[in-house]
Amino acid sequence: MLCHWPILIACLCTASIALAQPSAIRAKSDMFAADEAVQVALEQSPALGAARRRVEAATAALRGAGAPYTPRVELAPGAGFTNGNALLSQQFDIAGLRTAQTQRAAGEQSAAQAQADAVRLQVVLETRTAYFDLVRARASEATARDAVGLTEQVQTIVRRRVQLGEAPAVQATRAEIEVARAQQEFVRAQADTQARAAILNRLLGRERQQPIQPTDSLTLPPAPRPLEEQVAEAMRLRPDLRAAQARLAALQGEVEVARAQGRPTLFAEVAADTWSLDRAPFSGRNLGVQGRLNFPLGRDRAQRAEVDRTRAVALAQEAEVEVLRRAIAREIEQAAADLTASRQIAQNYEQTILPRTAQLLSATRAGFESGLTTFLEVLEAQRVARQTQVEYQTTLFEAVRARTTLDAALGAAILGPTPMPPIPARQMR
């Protein structure tokens, strides 16, 4: 029994490693649901990794901006005729410089976080679009495969009739041509599926030729909500708008930093004249306390120009925020209109076009087998049925893509940590 303990320990270690690394195991699987694919893409995205590093850098800058001034020591030893001293100095922020720097750094940190959310949103949009584009391609490939089988069945019937003398030989030739055409369409569909799979694999950080099997299917997405609700939600969630608002807050902090540069600076100091060896270095009368106020004499034109420059940049950013708000409202309106139109077209296919096409094909094939319809009529009905099915799958994909685009326009397709709340804009004074 003791000889089995090393094997048991090794198995337990392997299981613990597998549990600790679910993403790596998930990335090696060939079957993905849409949400699983999105999660893997987020974990594997180098762009998102870079955005997170920028957030870390901005967070470190924020910590530094809010840190208090460090006491400083100045040593100036002297001997003989030259007097020496030691100075302990502490600076105080009476000009509001530290507060302004903190406001600027907080805005930059919030902007970095919002930009990371925007990158995350883009990854979600690209991955979901690529995922369902692959689903569409696979459905079209299946339709093309079925078309080959149906055409081959018709070819078999035509050959039998030609052998019995019930049909001219030219119909057999025409049937062979139709089979070849159907096979070519199947080859094109296979190539399209492989191309879509390669795109999705790249987004998931996998080799482009690696097999991948989507488990979700194309279904008609729900209708959009009222436009006013969606616009309000977008104004609250859109990461690019939050980033613009955060940059505005940072620029407003920059204005305050420029203003604080022209204000007085206060130092509290303790001085000791203890390094002059010939002047009673340890006498109490050599110790002293002083306050030092540092301020410019008159108006500093360069500093005033810097205040004007930063204020103008902040006002321009405030206008950019309003421009972005209006653009978001138009984007939401367009995305909702596209989704509504795609849904109507897909529903028309489901309720009218597909059932009638299926009835036409069934009736034509039955008539051909009983001699009531011609061979060409059967081929045309099959071609219409195949084209209609492909169009329906494409329409479903367009509806799903419109839904995904609308979610991205709303800022609602973000997976992962809750996005930071928007920073309210402050009026410039």
Protein backbone atom coordinates (compact mmCIF):
# COMPACT_ATOMS: atom_id res chain seq x y z
CA MET A 1 0.00 0.00 0.00
CA LEU A 2 2.88 2.44 0.73
CA CYS A 3 4.12 2.26 -2.85
CA HIS A 4 0.92 3.90 -4.05
CA TRP A 5 1.39 7.06 -1.95
CA PRO A 6 3.73 8.86 -4.40
CA ILE A 7 1.25 8.23 -7.21
CA LEU A 8 -1.64 9.52 -5.09
CA ILE A 9 0.30 12.66 -4.10
CA ALA A 10 1.21 13.31 -7.72
CA CYS A 11 -2.43 12.97 -8.76
CA LEU A 12 -3.54 15.39 -6.04
CA CYS A 13 -0.88 17.92 -7.07
CA THR A 14 -1.96 17.66 -10.68
CA ALA A 15 -5.59 18.19 -9.71
CA SER A 16 -4.73 21.23 -7.60
CA ILE A 17 -2.76 22.77 -10.46
CA ALA A 18 -5.69 22.17 -12.81
CA LEU A 19 -8.09 23.83 -10.39
CA ALA A 20 -5.74 26.78 -9.95
CA GLN A 21 -5.47 27.35 -13.70
CA PRO A 22 -8.99 27.07 -15.17
CA SER A 23 -8.25 29.60 -17.92
CA ALA A 24 -5.34 27.58 -19.32
CA ILE A 25 -7.43 24.40 -19.36
CA ARG A 26 -10.36 26.25 -20.87
CA ALA A 27 -8.11 27.69 -23.59
CA LYS A 28 -7.08 24.17 -24.68
CA SER A 29 -10.66 22.98 -25.19
CA ASP A 30 -12.23 22.95 -28.65
CA MET A 31 -15.81 23.68 -27.53
CA PHE A 32 -16.82 27.19 -26.50
CA ALA A 33 -20.02 28.94 -25.56
CA ALA A 34 -20.13 32.61 -26.49
CA ASP A 35 -19.54 33.85 -22.95
CA GLU A 36 -16.68 31.39 -22.46
CA ALA A 37 -15.04 32.60 -25.65
CA VAL A 38 -15.36 36.20 -24.50
CA GLN A 39 -13.82 35.40 -21.13
CA VAL A 40 -10.85 33.64 -22.72
CA ALA A 41 -10.38 36.52 -25.16
CA LEU A 42 -10.31 38.97 -22.26
CA GLU A 43 -7.72 36.90 -20.45
CA GLN A 44 -5.55 36.53 -23.55
CA SER A 45 -5.82 40.09 -24.91
CA PRO A 46 -2.44 41.89 -24.93
CA ALA A 47 -4.21 45.21 -25.49
CA LEU A 48 -6.19 44.74 -22.28
CA GLY A 49 -3.02 43.73 -20.45
CA ALA A 50 -1.32 46.95 -21.58
CA ALA A 51 -4.35 48.99 -20.51
CA ARG A 52 -4.24 47.42 -17.05
CA ARG A 53 -0.56 48.31 -16.73
CA ARG A 54 -1.42 51.91 -17.55
CA VAL A 55 -4.03 51.83 -14.79
CA GLU A 56 -1.38 50.55 -12.36
CA ALA A 57 0.97 53.36 -13.41
CA ALA A 58 -1.73 56.00 -12.98
CA THR A 59 -2.67 54.55 -9.58
CA ALA A 60 0.96 54.77 -8.45
CA ALA A 61 1.09 58.37 -9.67
CA LEU A 62 -2.04 59.12 -7.65
CA ARG A 63 -0.44 57.71 -4.50
CA GLY A 64 2.60 59.88 -5.08
CA ALA A 65 0.57 63.02 -5.73
CA GLY A 66 -1.31 62.66 -2.45
CA ALA A 67 1.74 61.89 -0.32
CA PRO A 68 2.74 64.60 2.22
CA TYR A 69 5.99 66.50 1.89
CA THR A 70 8.97 64.71 3.39
CA PRO A 71 11.05 66.59 5.98
CA ARG A 72 14.46 67.55 4.64
CA VAL A 73 17.79 67.89 6.43
CA GLU A 74 20.52 70.27 5.32
CA LEU A 75 24.03 69.87 6.70
CA ALA A 76 26.68 72.59 6.23
CA PRO A 77 29.66 71.80 8.50
CA GLY A 78 32.28 74.47 9.04
CA ALA A 79 35.47 75.04 11.03
CA GLY A 80 37.54 78.06 11.83
CA PHE A 81 36.29 81.38 10.55
CA THR A 82 33.48 79.73 8.50
CA ASN A 83 30.33 79.06 10.50
CA GLY A 84 28.47 75.76 10.01
CA ASN A 85 24.91 74.73 10.71
CA ALA A 86 22.35 71.92 10.54
CA LEU A 87 18.82 72.59 9.28
CA LEU A 88 15.65 70.50 9.61
CA SER A 89 12.95 71.83 7.26
CA GLN A 90 9.29 70.86 6.73
CA GLN A 91 7.25 72.28 3.83
CA PHE A 92 3.50 72.94 4.22
CA ASP A 93 1.01 73.10 1.37
CA ILE A 94 -0.69 76.44 2.01
CA ALA A 95 -0.92 77.10 -1.75
CA GLY A 96 -3.09 74.04 -2.44
CA LEU A 97 -0.47 72.57 -4.79
CA ARG A 98 -0.70 69.05 -3.35
CA THR A 99 -4.50 69.13 -3.55
CA ALA A 100 -4.37 70.27 -7.18
CA GLN A 101 -1.81 67.61 -8.06
CA THR A 102 -4.01 64.98 -6.43
CA GLN A 103 -7.02 66.17 -8.44
CA ARG A 104 -5.00 65.95 -11.65
CA ALA A 105 -3.64 62.49 -10.81
CA ALA A 106 -7.10 61.24 -9.79
CA GLY A 107 -8.50 62.37 -13.14
CA GLU A 108 -5.67 60.65 -15.00
CA GLN A 109 -6.19 57.47 -13.01
CA SER A 110 -9.93 57.49 -13.70
CA ALA A 111 -9.24 58.13 -17.39
CA ALA A 112 -6.84 55.18 -17.49
CA GLN A 113 -9.45 52.94 -15.86
CA ALA A 114 -12.13 54.09 -18.29
CA GLN A 115 -9.79 53.49 -21.22
CA ALA A 116 -9.17 49.97 -19.92
CA ASP A 117 -12.94 49.45 -19.82
CA ALA A 118 -13.13 50.73 -23.41
CA VAL A 119 -10.50 48.18 -24.48
CA ARG A 120 -12.42 45.45 -22.64
CA LEU A 121 -15.58 46.53 -24.41
CA GLN A 122 -13.86 46.38 -27.79
CA VAL A 123 -12.56 42.88 -27.08
CA VAL A 124 -16.07 41.74 -26.14
CA LEU A 125 -17.51 43.26 -29.32
CA GLU A 126 -14.89 41.72 -31.61
CA THR A 127 -15.08 38.30 -29.96
CA ARG A 128 -18.87 38.00 -29.97
CA THR A 129 -19.00 39.19 -33.58
CA ALA A 130 -16.34 36.69 -34.64
CA TYR A 131 -18.01 33.91 -32.64
CA PHE A 132 -21.42 34.27 -34.25
CA ASP A 133 -19.87 34.89 -37.65
CA LEU A 134 -18.34 31.44 -37.29
CA VAL A 135 -21.75 30.05 -36.27
CA ARG A 136 -23.22 31.61 -39.41
CA ALA A 137 -20.46 30.17 -41.59
CA ARG A 138 -20.96 26.69 -40.14
CA ALA A 139 -24.71 26.91 -40.75
CA SER A 140 -24.08 27.96 -44.35
CA GLU A 141 -21.64 25.08 -44.72
CA ALA A 142 -24.28 22.65 -43.46
CA THR A 143 -26.80 24.09 -45.93
CA ALA A 144 -24.31 23.66 -48.77
CA ARG A 145 -23.64 20.07 -47.70
CA ASP A 146 -27.36 19.30 -47.70
CA ALA A 147 -27.66 20.88 -51.15
CA VAL A 148 -25.00 18.51 -52.48
CA GLY A 149 -26.95 15.56 -51.12
CA LEU A 150 -30.24 16.74 -52.63
CA THR A 151 -28.63 17.39 -56.00
CA GLU A 152 -27.05 13.96 -56.02
CA GLN A 153 -30.45 12.41 -55.28
CA VAL A 154 -31.94 14.23 -58.27
CA GLN A 155 -29.00 13.09 -60.38
CA THR A 156 -29.70 9.48 -59.42
CA ILE A 157 -33.36 9.81 -60.47
CA VAL A 158 -32.40 11.48 -63.77
CA ARG A 159 -29.88 8.75 -64.63
CA ARG A 160 -32.49 6.07 -63.98
CA ARG A 161 -34.95 7.84 -66.29
CA VAL A 162 -32.32 8.24 -68.99
CA GLN A 163 -31.52 4.52 -68.77
CA LEU A 164 -35.24 3.71 -69.09
CA GLY A 165 -35.57 6.07 -72.04
CA GLU A 166 -37.96 8.36 -70.17
CA ALA A 167 -35.66 11.40 -70.38
CA PRO A 168 -33.08 12.64 -72.88
CA ALA A 169 -29.36 12.16 -72.12
CA VAL A 170 -28.85 15.92 -71.94
CA GLN A 171 -30.69 15.92 -68.59
CA ALA A 172 -28.05 13.61 -67.13
CA THR A 173 -25.35 16.02 -68.28
CA ARG A 174 -27.25 18.93 -66.75
CA ALA A 175 -27.61 17.01 -63.49
CA GLU A 176 -23.84 16.39 -63.39
CA ILE A 177 -23.23 20.11 -63.86
CA GLU A 178 -25.58 20.94 -61.00
CA VAL A 179 -23.85 18.44 -58.73
CA ALA A 180 -20.48 19.97 -59.57
CA ARG A 181 -21.82 23.46 -58.86
CA ALA A 182 -23.26 22.36 -55.53
CA GLN A 183 -19.91 20.79 -54.61
CA GLN A 184 -18.12 24.02 -55.46
CA GLU A 185 -20.50 25.96 -53.22
CA PHE A 186 -19.75 23.47 -50.46
CA VAL A 187 -15.99 23.99 -50.92
CA ARG A 188 -16.45 27.76 -50.71
CA ALA A 189 -18.53 27.37 -47.57
CA GLN A 190 -15.83 25.18 -46.01
CA ALA A 191 -13.16 27.78 -46.81
CA ASP A 192 -15.31 30.53 -45.29
CA THR A 193 -15.77 28.46 -42.13
CA GLN A 194 -12.03 27.89 -41.83
CA ALA A 195 -11.34 31.60 -42.26
CA ARG A 196 -13.89 32.54 -39.57
CA ALA A 197 -12.49 29.90 -37.22
CA ALA A 198 -8.97 31.28 -37.71
CA ILE A 199 -10.15 34.79 -36.81
CA LEU A 200 -11.83 33.58 -33.62
CA ASN A 201 -8.82 31.45 -32.67
CA ARG A 202 -6.54 34.47 -32.95
CA LEU A 203 -8.81 36.48 -30.69
CA LEU A 204 -8.69 33.66 -28.14
CA GLY A 205 -4.88 33.48 -28.26
CA ARG A 206 -4.92 30.06 -29.99
CA GLU A 207 -3.25 28.73 -33.12
CA ARG A 208 -5.24 29.68 -36.21
CA GLN A 209 -5.57 26.07 -37.42
CA GLN A 210 -6.66 24.71 -34.04
CA PRO A 211 -10.12 23.08 -34.14
CA ILE A 212 -12.86 25.12 -32.50
CA GLN A 213 -16.52 24.26 -31.99
CA PRO A 214 -19.06 26.95 -31.01
CA THR A 215 -21.87 25.52 -28.90
CA ASP A 216 -24.28 28.47 -29.13
CA SER A 217 -26.57 28.94 -32.11
CA LEU A 218 -27.94 31.97 -33.91
CA THR A 219 -31.23 33.06 -32.36
CA LEU A 220 -33.27 36.18 -32.84
CA PRO A 221 -32.21 38.76 -30.22
CA PRO A 222 -34.76 40.74 -28.21
CA ALA A 223 -36.07 44.07 -29.43
CA PRO A 224 -34.38 47.27 -28.22
CA ARG A 225 -35.80 49.17 -25.29
CA PRO A 226 -37.16 52.73 -25.61
CA LEU A 227 -34.57 55.09 -27.03
CA GLU A 228 -34.61 57.49 -24.08
CA GLU A 229 -33.75 54.71 -21.63
CA GLN A 230 -30.88 53.49 -23.78
CA VAL A 231 -29.38 56.94 -24.23
CA ALA A 232 -29.53 57.55 -20.46
CA GLU A 233 -27.85 54.19 -19.83
CA ALA A 234 -25.12 54.97 -22.35
CA MET A 235 -24.39 58.32 -20.71
CA ARG A 236 -23.86 56.45 -17.45
CA LEU A 237 -21.86 53.46 -18.69
CA ARG A 238 -19.93 54.43 -21.83
CA PRO A 239 -16.23 54.13 -20.99
CA ASP A 240 -15.12 56.62 -23.66
CA LEU A 241 -17.43 59.24 -22.17
CA ARG A 242 -16.17 58.45 -18.68
CA ALA A 243 -12.61 58.74 -19.97
CA ALA A 244 -13.37 62.13 -21.53
CA GLN A 245 -14.95 63.33 -18.28
CA ALA A 246 -11.96 62.06 -16.31
CA ARG A 247 -9.55 63.86 -18.63
CA LEU A 248 -11.58 67.02 -18.08
CA ALA A 249 -11.19 66.59 -14.31
CA ALA A 250 -7.44 66.06 -14.78
CA LEU A 251 -7.17 69.21 -16.88
CA GLN A 252 -9.09 71.17 -14.27
CA GLY A 253 -6.56 69.91 -11.75
CA GLU A 254 -3.82 71.05 -14.12
CA VAL A 255 -5.29 74.55 -14.05
CA GLU A 256 -5.18 74.51 -10.25
CA VAL A 257 -1.58 73.30 -10.32
CA ALA A 258 -0.63 76.21 -12.58
CA ARG A 259 -2.39 78.65 -10.25
CA ALA A 260 -0.73 77.18 -7.15
CA GLN A 261 2.71 77.74 -8.68
CA GLY A 262 2.28 81.48 -8.12
CA ARG A 263 1.18 81.24 -4.49
CA PRO A 264 3.42 81.47 -1.39
CA THR A 265 5.19 78.42 0.02
CA LEU A 266 5.59 78.00 3.79
CA PHE A 267 8.52 76.23 5.46
CA ALA A 268 8.93 75.55 9.21
CA GLU A 269 12.57 75.03 10.16
CA VAL A 270 14.70 74.13 13.14
CA ALA A 271 18.32 75.35 12.81
CA ALA A 272 21.35 74.47 14.92
CA ASP A 273 24.72 76.25 14.78
CA THR A 274 26.63 73.29 16.24
CA TRP A 275 29.24 72.50 13.63
CA SER A 276 31.55 75.42 14.23
CA LEU A 277 34.06 73.80 16.60
CA ASP A 278 35.45 77.10 17.92
CA ARG A 279 32.07 78.65 18.90
CA ALA A 280 30.73 76.53 21.78
CA PRO A 281 28.91 74.01 19.54
CA PHE A 282 26.68 72.59 22.26
CA SER A 283 25.43 75.86 23.67
CA GLY A 284 21.67 76.25 23.73
CA ARG A 285 21.92 79.69 22.23
CA ASN A 286 23.03 78.08 18.98
CA LEU A 287 19.59 76.47 18.46
CA GLY A 288 16.69 78.28 16.78
CA VAL A 289 13.29 77.90 15.17
CA GLN A 290 12.11 79.88 12.17
CA GLY A 291 9.31 80.10 9.66
CA ARG A 292 10.16 80.88 6.05
CA LEU A 293 7.66 82.17 3.51
CA ASN A 294 8.63 81.95 -0.15
CA PHE A 295 6.58 83.99 -2.62
CA PRO A 296 7.20 85.79 -5.92
CA LEU A 297 7.43 89.56 -6.15
CA GLY A 298 4.94 90.85 -8.69
CA ARG A 299 3.11 88.96 -11.44
CA ASP A 300 4.99 86.13 -13.14
CA ARG A 301 4.06 86.39 -16.80
CA ALA A 302 5.19 82.88 -17.63
CA GLN A 303 3.12 81.45 -14.79
CA ARG A 304 0.08 83.50 -15.80
CA ALA A 305 0.45 82.34 -19.39
CA GLU A 306 0.55 78.74 -18.17
CA VAL A 307 -2.71 79.29 -16.28
CA ASP A 308 -4.33 80.70 -19.42
CA ARG A 309 -3.05 77.80 -21.51
CA THR A 310 -4.31 75.08 -19.16
CA ARG A 311 -7.68 76.81 -18.78
CA ALA A 312 -8.11 76.97 -22.57
CA VAL A 313 -7.23 73.27 -22.91
CA ALA A 314 -9.71 72.37 -20.17
CA LEU A 315 -12.47 74.41 -21.82
CA ALA A 316 -11.74 72.68 -25.12
CA GLN A 317 -12.01 69.30 -23.37
CA GLU A 318 -15.33 70.38 -21.86
CA ALA A 319 -16.62 71.05 -25.37
CA GLU A 320 -15.27 67.68 -26.51
CA VAL A 321 -17.29 65.97 -23.78
CA GLU A 322 -20.46 67.57 -25.11
CA VAL A 323 -19.55 66.57 -28.68
CA LEU A 324 -19.10 62.99 -27.51
CA ARG A 325 -22.46 63.01 -25.71
CA ARG A 326 -24.23 64.00 -28.90
CA ALA A 327 -22.31 61.45 -30.95
CA ILE A 328 -23.27 58.70 -28.48
CA ALA A 329 -26.95 59.63 -28.76
CA ARG A 330 -26.75 59.37 -32.57
CA GLU A 331 -24.87 56.08 -32.33
CA ILE A 332 -27.51 54.59 -30.03
CA GLU A 333 -30.28 55.71 -32.36
CA GLN A 334 -28.59 54.17 -35.40
CA ALA A 335 -27.76 50.89 -33.63
CA ALA A 336 -31.34 50.55 -32.36
CA ALA A 337 -32.72 51.22 -35.86
CA ASP A 338 -30.38 48.59 -37.35
CA LEU A 339 -31.48 46.04 -34.76
CA THR A 340 -35.17 46.75 -35.37
CA ALA A 341 -34.75 46.40 -39.15
CA SER A 342 -32.72 43.19 -38.83
CA ARG A 343 -35.33 41.67 -36.54
CA GLN A 344 -38.14 42.49 -38.95
CA ILE A 345 -36.29 40.94 -41.87
CA ALA A 346 -35.46 37.80 -39.89
CA GLN A 347 -39.06 37.45 -38.74
CA ASN A 348 -40.23 37.80 -42.34
CA TYR A 349 -37.95 34.94 -43.33
CA GLU A 350 -39.16 32.79 -40.44
CA GLN A 351 -42.87 33.43 -40.91
CA THR A 352 -43.20 33.74 -44.69
CA ILE A 353 -40.21 33.12 -46.93
CA LEU A 354 -38.78 29.93 -45.41
CA PRO A 355 -42.11 28.06 -45.09
CA ARG A 356 -43.14 28.92 -48.66
CA THR A 357 -39.73 27.98 -50.02
CA ALA A 358 -39.91 24.62 -48.25
CA GLN A 359 -43.42 24.05 -49.65
CA LEU A 360 -42.23 24.92 -53.15
CA LEU A 361 -39.30 22.51 -52.97
CA SER A 362 -41.41 19.70 -51.53
CA ALA A 363 -44.15 20.12 -54.14
CA THR A 364 -41.64 20.38 -57.01
CA ARG A 365 -39.77 17.25 -55.97
CA ALA A 366 -43.02 15.32 -55.54
CA GLY A 367 -44.19 16.50 -58.94
CA PHE A 368 -40.88 15.54 -60.54
CA GLU A 369 -41.03 12.01 -59.10
CA SER A 370 -44.57 11.66 -60.47
CA GLY A 371 -43.72 13.32 -63.80
CA LEU A 372 -45.75 16.50 -63.26
CA THR A 373 -42.79 18.92 -63.06
CA THR A 374 -39.61 19.16 -65.08
CA PHE A 375 -36.05 18.54 -64.07
CA LEU A 376 -35.18 22.23 -64.45
CA GLU A 377 -38.00 23.23 -62.13
CA VAL A 378 -36.59 20.94 -59.42
CA LEU A 379 -33.11 22.40 -59.82
CA GLU A 380 -34.45 25.93 -59.60
CA ALA A 381 -36.50 25.11 -56.48
CA GLN A 382 -33.44 23.57 -54.83
CA ARG A 383 -31.31 26.60 -55.69
CA VAL A 384 -33.94 28.96 -54.27
CA ALA A 385 -34.22 26.89 -51.08
CA ARG A 386 -30.44 26.84 -50.58
CA GLN A 387 -30.10 30.58 -51.23
CA THR A 388 -33.01 31.39 -48.94
CA GLN A 389 -31.54 29.37 -46.09
CA VAL A 390 -28.17 31.09 -46.46
CA GLU A 391 -29.88 34.49 -46.56
CA TYR A 392 -31.82 33.62 -43.41
CA GLN A 393 -28.65 32.63 -41.53
CA THR A 394 -26.99 35.84 -42.70
CA THR A 395 -29.97 37.87 -41.55
CA LEU A 396 -29.89 36.20 -38.14
CA PHE A 397 -26.20 36.98 -37.86
CA GLU A 398 -26.83 40.60 -38.81
CA ALA A 399 -29.49 40.81 -36.10
CA VAL A 400 -27.12 39.32 -33.51
CA ARG A 401 -24.35 41.65 -34.65
CA ALA A 402 -26.72 44.62 -34.41
CA ARG A 403 -27.64 43.55 -30.87
CA THR A 404 -23.94 43.24 -29.96
CA THR A 405 -23.19 46.62 -31.52
CA LEU A 406 -26.05 48.20 -29.57
CA ASP A 407 -24.79 46.64 -26.32
CA ALA A 408 -21.33 48.00 -27.04
CA ALA A 409 -22.81 51.41 -27.84
CA LEU A 410 -24.58 51.27 -24.49
CA GLY A 411 -21.38 50.28 -22.73
CA ALA A 412 -23.32 47.32 -21.33
CA ALA A 413 -21.22 44.46 -22.74
CA ILE A 414 -18.35 44.84 -20.27
CA LEU A 415 -17.41 41.67 -18.43
CA GLY A 416 -15.24 41.68 -15.35
CA PRO A 417 -14.92 44.34 -12.61
CA THR A 418 -17.66 46.93 -12.31
CA PRO A 419 -16.65 50.02 -14.26
CA MET A 420 -15.80 53.14 -12.31
CA PRO A 421 -18.58 55.72 -11.97
CA PRO A 422 -18.34 58.81 -14.18
CA ILE A 423 -16.67 61.91 -12.84
CA PRO A 424 -19.01 64.92 -12.90
CA ALA A 425 -17.77 67.82 -14.94
CA ARG A 426 -16.99 71.01 -12.99
CA GLN A 427 -17.54 74.46 -14.43
CA MET A 428 -14.39 76.44 -15.09
CA ARG A 429 -14.02 79.69 -13.25
